[in-house]
Amino acid sequence: MPLRIAILETDILHPDLQPHFTGYGAMFVSLFKRLGDDISCQVFNVVQGHYPPTPEQFDALLITGSKADAFSKAPWVLALKQFLLSRYHQGQRIIGICFGHQLMALALGADVSRAPQGWGLGKMQYQWLCKPTWLKGADTPLSLLAVHQDQVLSLPQGARIIAGSDFCPIGAFEIKHQVLCFQGHPEFTADYARTLFAVKEDVFGEEQSAKALKTIDNQHDGLKVAGWIRDFIVDAKTQNVAGELQLTK
């Protein structure tokens, strides 16, 4: 039976991007499809107030990136934060990407704010700082496309850093068997990143956009990250079953 992932889409594409690209939820659906038929995804746009009616039926929730700040007081952001806290305390597995990475950390008590070093744009590398058992084939530094001006500055209680860089020390973290978060975007393609930088050059700055564009190509670890997300969920489910069997003995 395929793994079931509820994708909580936390943005609506810029109007200039909509004729050419799909939303972040659909990008993840396409990415997971490249792994095969063992993952079934359903997208819920939480900006528009759409949530899975029975979230417990999913093996994991995945929170996408967004132009919103994790520390925003926008009603939909506050509602999502409370939803995630509730699901976390119910023991649901949660995956966070970029905004999702930051929001999950913030919801669990970590410090998230504007990065003093400014925008992180383009293809970035992160060094592996630990390698959990589910992280197989991580033989070279993690390489992902990135677009963010906020960062996770401290870890939630019980979390450990998986990967980081000088620019972004907490590039990925996990809370054992339940939460896995990445700052970079595994779902982005080079074409999307190039178009995004062009459309939002006034936000990022001409010089920084031009510098970031030189780093972008299709040689990044997005597909590997999708596989690691799958492996993390499978490993977590196995651990849960093992724990339940232990309790019955």
Protein backbone atom coordinates (compact mmCIF):
# COMPACT_ATOMS: atom_id res chain seq x y z
CA MET A 1 0.00 0.00 0.00
CA PRO A 2 1.47 3.43 -0.96
CA LEU A 3 2.50 5.92 1.66
CA ARG A 4 -0.10 8.66 1.98
CA ILE A 5 1.16 12.25 2.30
CA ALA A 6 -1.07 15.28 2.83
CA ILE A 7 0.66 18.28 1.26
CA LEU A 8 -0.25 21.50 3.06
CA GLU A 9 0.29 24.12 0.35
CA THR A 10 1.14 27.45 1.95
CA ASP A 11 1.26 29.83 -1.00
CA ILE A 12 -0.42 30.89 -4.23
CA LEU A 13 1.96 31.48 -7.12
CA HIS A 14 2.71 35.03 -8.29
CA PRO A 15 0.40 35.90 -11.24
CA ASP A 16 3.40 36.17 -13.58
CA LEU A 17 4.37 32.59 -12.74
CA GLN A 18 0.95 30.97 -13.01
CA PRO A 19 0.82 30.67 -16.84
CA HIS A 20 4.04 28.64 -16.85
CA PHE A 21 4.28 26.73 -13.57
CA THR A 22 2.15 24.75 -11.12
CA GLY A 23 1.79 25.50 -7.42
CA TYR A 24 4.18 24.13 -4.79
CA GLY A 25 1.82 21.30 -3.93
CA ALA A 26 1.75 20.06 -7.50
CA MET A 27 5.54 20.43 -7.70
CA PHE A 28 5.86 17.98 -4.80
CA VAL A 29 3.37 15.60 -6.40
CA SER A 30 5.53 15.57 -9.54
CA LEU A 31 8.71 15.11 -7.51
CA PHE A 32 7.37 12.13 -5.56
CA LYS A 33 6.02 10.55 -8.76
CA ARG A 34 9.59 10.36 -10.00
CA LEU A 35 10.30 7.89 -7.18
CA GLY A 36 7.64 5.46 -8.42
CA ASP A 37 4.18 4.43 -7.32
CA ASP A 38 4.81 3.94 -3.61
CA ILE A 39 3.66 7.45 -2.57
CA SER A 40 0.14 8.87 -2.85
CA CYS A 41 -0.23 12.64 -2.35
CA GLN A 42 -3.20 14.92 -1.80
CA VAL A 43 -2.83 18.72 -1.84
CA PHE A 44 -4.68 21.07 0.55
CA ASN A 45 -4.18 24.83 0.13
CA VAL A 46 -4.24 26.08 3.72
CA VAL A 47 -4.02 29.73 2.63
CA GLN A 48 -7.53 29.20 1.28
CA GLY A 49 -8.56 27.37 4.46
CA HIS A 50 -8.42 23.83 3.05
CA TYR A 51 -7.26 21.12 5.47
CA PRO A 52 -7.42 17.33 5.40
CA PRO A 53 -10.73 16.39 7.07
CA THR A 54 -9.15 13.26 8.56
CA PRO A 55 -5.42 14.03 8.88
CA GLU A 56 -4.79 10.88 10.91
CA GLN A 57 -5.41 8.83 7.76
CA PHE A 58 -2.17 10.16 6.27
CA ASP A 59 1.25 8.73 7.02
CA ALA A 60 2.68 12.26 7.13
CA LEU A 61 1.89 15.93 6.61
CA LEU A 62 4.20 18.01 4.42
CA ILE A 63 4.27 21.83 4.74
CA THR A 64 5.51 23.63 1.62
CA GLY A 65 7.42 26.86 1.17
CA SER A 66 5.72 30.25 1.14
CA LYS A 67 6.43 33.94 0.66
CA ALA A 68 4.86 34.46 4.11
CA ASP A 69 6.94 34.71 7.27
CA ALA A 70 6.64 31.88 9.78
CA PHE A 71 6.27 34.54 12.50
CA SER A 72 3.51 36.35 10.58
CA LYS A 73 0.30 37.17 12.46
CA ALA A 74 -1.80 36.48 9.37
CA PRO A 75 -4.86 34.46 10.43
CA TRP A 76 -4.10 31.56 8.10
CA VAL A 77 -0.51 31.28 9.43
CA LEU A 78 -1.70 31.29 13.05
CA ALA A 79 -4.37 28.70 12.22
CA LEU A 80 -1.80 26.46 10.53
CA LYS A 81 0.58 26.79 13.48
CA GLN A 82 -2.13 25.64 15.88
CA PHE A 83 -3.13 22.79 13.57
CA LEU A 84 0.48 21.57 13.39
CA LEU A 85 0.91 21.77 17.15
CA SER A 86 -2.23 19.72 17.62
CA ARG A 87 -1.11 17.11 15.09
CA TYR A 88 2.38 17.00 16.61
CA HIS A 89 0.98 16.28 20.05
CA GLN A 90 -1.20 13.58 18.47
CA GLY A 91 2.01 11.94 17.26
CA GLN A 92 1.60 12.66 13.54
CA ARG A 93 4.70 12.68 11.36
CA ILE A 94 5.43 16.11 9.87
CA ILE A 95 7.78 17.21 7.07
CA GLY A 96 8.67 20.90 6.73
CA ILE A 97 10.21 22.61 3.68
CA CYS A 98 11.55 26.22 3.80
CA PHE A 99 8.59 28.11 5.36
CA GLY A 100 7.40 24.75 6.71
CA HIS A 101 10.86 24.12 8.21
CA GLN A 102 10.71 27.51 9.93
CA LEU A 103 7.07 27.30 11.05
CA MET A 104 7.52 23.86 12.59
CA ALA A 105 10.61 25.01 14.49
CA LEU A 106 8.82 28.16 15.68
CA ALA A 107 5.71 26.23 16.76
CA LEU A 108 7.91 23.98 18.91
CA GLY A 109 9.65 26.86 20.68
CA ALA A 110 12.69 27.63 18.52
CA ASP A 111 13.87 31.10 17.48
CA VAL A 112 13.05 32.04 13.89
CA SER A 113 13.69 35.50 12.44
CA ARG A 114 15.23 37.49 9.59
CA ALA A 115 18.73 36.23 8.85
CA PRO A 116 21.25 39.02 9.56
CA GLN A 117 23.24 37.94 6.49
CA GLY A 118 20.27 38.65 4.20
CA TRP A 119 18.69 36.60 1.43
CA GLY A 120 19.81 33.06 0.77
CA LEU A 121 19.41 32.62 -2.99
CA GLY A 122 20.51 30.08 -5.56
CA LYS A 123 22.00 26.63 -5.22
CA MET A 124 23.47 26.09 -1.79
CA GLN A 125 25.49 23.36 -0.18
CA TYR A 126 25.05 22.02 3.34
CA GLN A 127 27.47 19.74 5.19
CA TRP A 128 26.10 16.62 6.84
CA LEU A 129 26.42 16.94 10.61
CA CYS A 130 24.88 13.56 11.45
CA LYS A 131 23.55 10.64 9.45
CA PRO A 132 20.47 8.87 10.85
CA THR A 133 19.93 5.25 9.83
CA TRP A 134 17.34 6.21 7.19
CA LEU A 135 19.77 8.63 5.47
CA LYS A 136 21.42 6.37 2.92
CA GLY A 137 23.63 7.45 0.03
CA ALA A 138 24.54 10.83 1.55
CA ASP A 139 28.13 10.60 0.35
CA THR A 140 28.55 14.22 -0.76
CA PRO A 141 27.36 17.56 0.71
CA LEU A 142 23.63 18.26 0.37
CA SER A 143 22.91 20.57 -2.56
CA LEU A 144 19.52 22.31 -2.90
CA LEU A 145 18.00 25.39 -4.50
CA ALA A 146 17.15 28.01 -1.88
CA VAL A 147 15.08 31.21 -1.60
CA HIS A 148 14.75 32.59 1.93
CA GLN A 149 15.42 35.65 4.03
CA ASP A 150 14.42 34.04 7.36
CA GLN A 151 16.22 31.28 9.20
CA VAL A 152 15.82 28.89 12.11
CA LEU A 153 18.27 30.27 14.68
CA SER A 154 17.85 27.69 17.44
CA LEU A 155 16.62 24.11 17.67
CA PRO A 156 13.31 22.97 19.14
CA GLN A 157 13.59 20.78 22.23
CA GLY A 158 14.56 17.23 21.34
CA ALA A 159 15.73 18.13 17.82
CA ARG A 160 19.13 17.53 16.26
CA ILE A 161 20.76 19.19 13.26
CA ILE A 162 21.24 16.93 10.27
CA ALA A 163 22.88 19.41 7.87
CA GLY A 164 24.04 23.02 7.88
CA SER A 165 26.37 25.58 6.35
CA ASP A 166 28.18 28.73 7.40
CA PHE A 167 25.37 30.77 5.83
CA CYS A 168 22.56 28.61 7.25
CA PRO A 169 23.78 26.63 10.29
CA ILE A 170 20.43 24.84 10.74
CA GLY A 171 19.84 23.68 7.19
CA ALA A 172 17.97 20.53 8.18
CA PHE A 173 16.83 19.01 11.46
CA GLU A 174 14.84 16.08 12.77
CA ILE A 175 12.92 15.18 15.89
CA LYS A 176 13.30 11.43 16.13
CA HIS A 177 10.73 9.42 14.16
CA GLN A 178 8.30 12.35 13.90
CA VAL A 179 9.60 15.61 12.38
CA LEU A 180 11.96 16.17 9.44
CA CYS A 181 12.64 19.65 8.04
CA PHE A 182 14.80 21.13 5.26
CA GLN A 183 15.48 24.81 4.55
CA GLY A 184 16.15 24.22 0.85
CA HIS A 185 13.61 23.39 -1.87
CA PRO A 186 13.81 19.82 -3.23
CA GLU A 187 10.75 20.47 -5.44
CA PHE A 188 12.24 23.44 -7.35
CA THR A 189 13.51 23.04 -10.89
CA ALA A 190 16.19 25.22 -12.41
CA ASP A 191 13.64 26.74 -14.83
CA TYR A 192 11.31 27.69 -12.00
CA ALA A 193 14.11 29.23 -9.91
CA ARG A 194 15.41 31.28 -12.85
CA THR A 195 11.92 32.62 -13.63
CA LEU A 196 11.21 33.35 -9.96
CA PHE A 197 14.41 35.38 -9.61
CA ALA A 198 13.55 37.37 -12.74
CA VAL A 199 9.97 38.05 -11.59
CA LYS A 200 11.07 39.10 -8.08
CA GLU A 201 14.31 40.88 -8.95
CA ASP A 202 12.96 44.06 -7.36
CA VAL A 203 12.58 42.16 -4.06
CA PHE A 204 15.89 40.28 -4.11
CA GLY A 205 17.97 43.06 -5.68
CA GLU A 206 19.51 43.07 -9.14
CA GLU A 207 23.05 42.26 -8.02
CA GLN A 208 22.09 39.41 -5.70
CA SER A 209 19.67 37.94 -8.24
CA ALA A 210 22.36 37.96 -10.95
CA LYS A 211 24.83 36.27 -8.59
CA ALA A 212 22.31 33.59 -7.61
CA LEU A 213 21.35 32.91 -11.23
CA LYS A 214 24.92 31.84 -11.98
CA THR A 215 24.63 29.00 -9.44
CA ILE A 216 21.40 27.48 -10.76
CA ASP A 217 21.34 24.23 -12.69
CA ASN A 218 19.51 20.92 -12.51
CA GLN A 219 22.36 19.24 -10.63
CA HIS A 220 20.93 19.34 -7.13
CA ASP A 221 19.69 16.76 -4.63
CA GLY A 222 15.95 17.38 -4.82
CA LEU A 223 15.12 13.83 -5.92
CA LYS A 224 17.41 12.38 -3.25
CA VAL A 225 15.66 14.46 -0.60
CA ALA A 226 12.30 13.13 -1.81
CA GLY A 227 13.68 9.62 -1.35
CA TRP A 228 14.99 10.46 2.12
CA ILE A 229 11.59 11.86 3.09
CA ARG A 230 10.02 8.57 1.99
CA ASP A 231 12.66 6.58 3.89
CA PHE A 232 12.19 8.72 7.01
CA ILE A 233 8.44 8.04 6.99
CA VAL A 234 8.91 4.31 6.39
CA ASP A 235 11.53 4.13 9.15
CA ALA A 236 9.26 6.05 11.54
CA LYS A 237 6.35 3.71 10.81
CA THR A 238 8.62 0.72 11.45
CA GLN A 239 9.77 2.20 14.75
CA ASN A 240 6.16 2.80 15.79
CA VAL A 241 5.20 -0.80 15.00
CA ALA A 242 8.25 -2.08 16.89
CA GLY A 243 7.31 0.08 19.87
CA GLU A 244 3.73 -1.18 19.86
CA LEU A 245 4.92 -4.79 19.71
CA GLN A 246 7.28 -4.14 22.60
CA LEU A 247 4.43 -2.74 24.70
CA THR A 248 2.34 -5.88 24.14
CA LYS A 249 5.04 -8.22 25.40
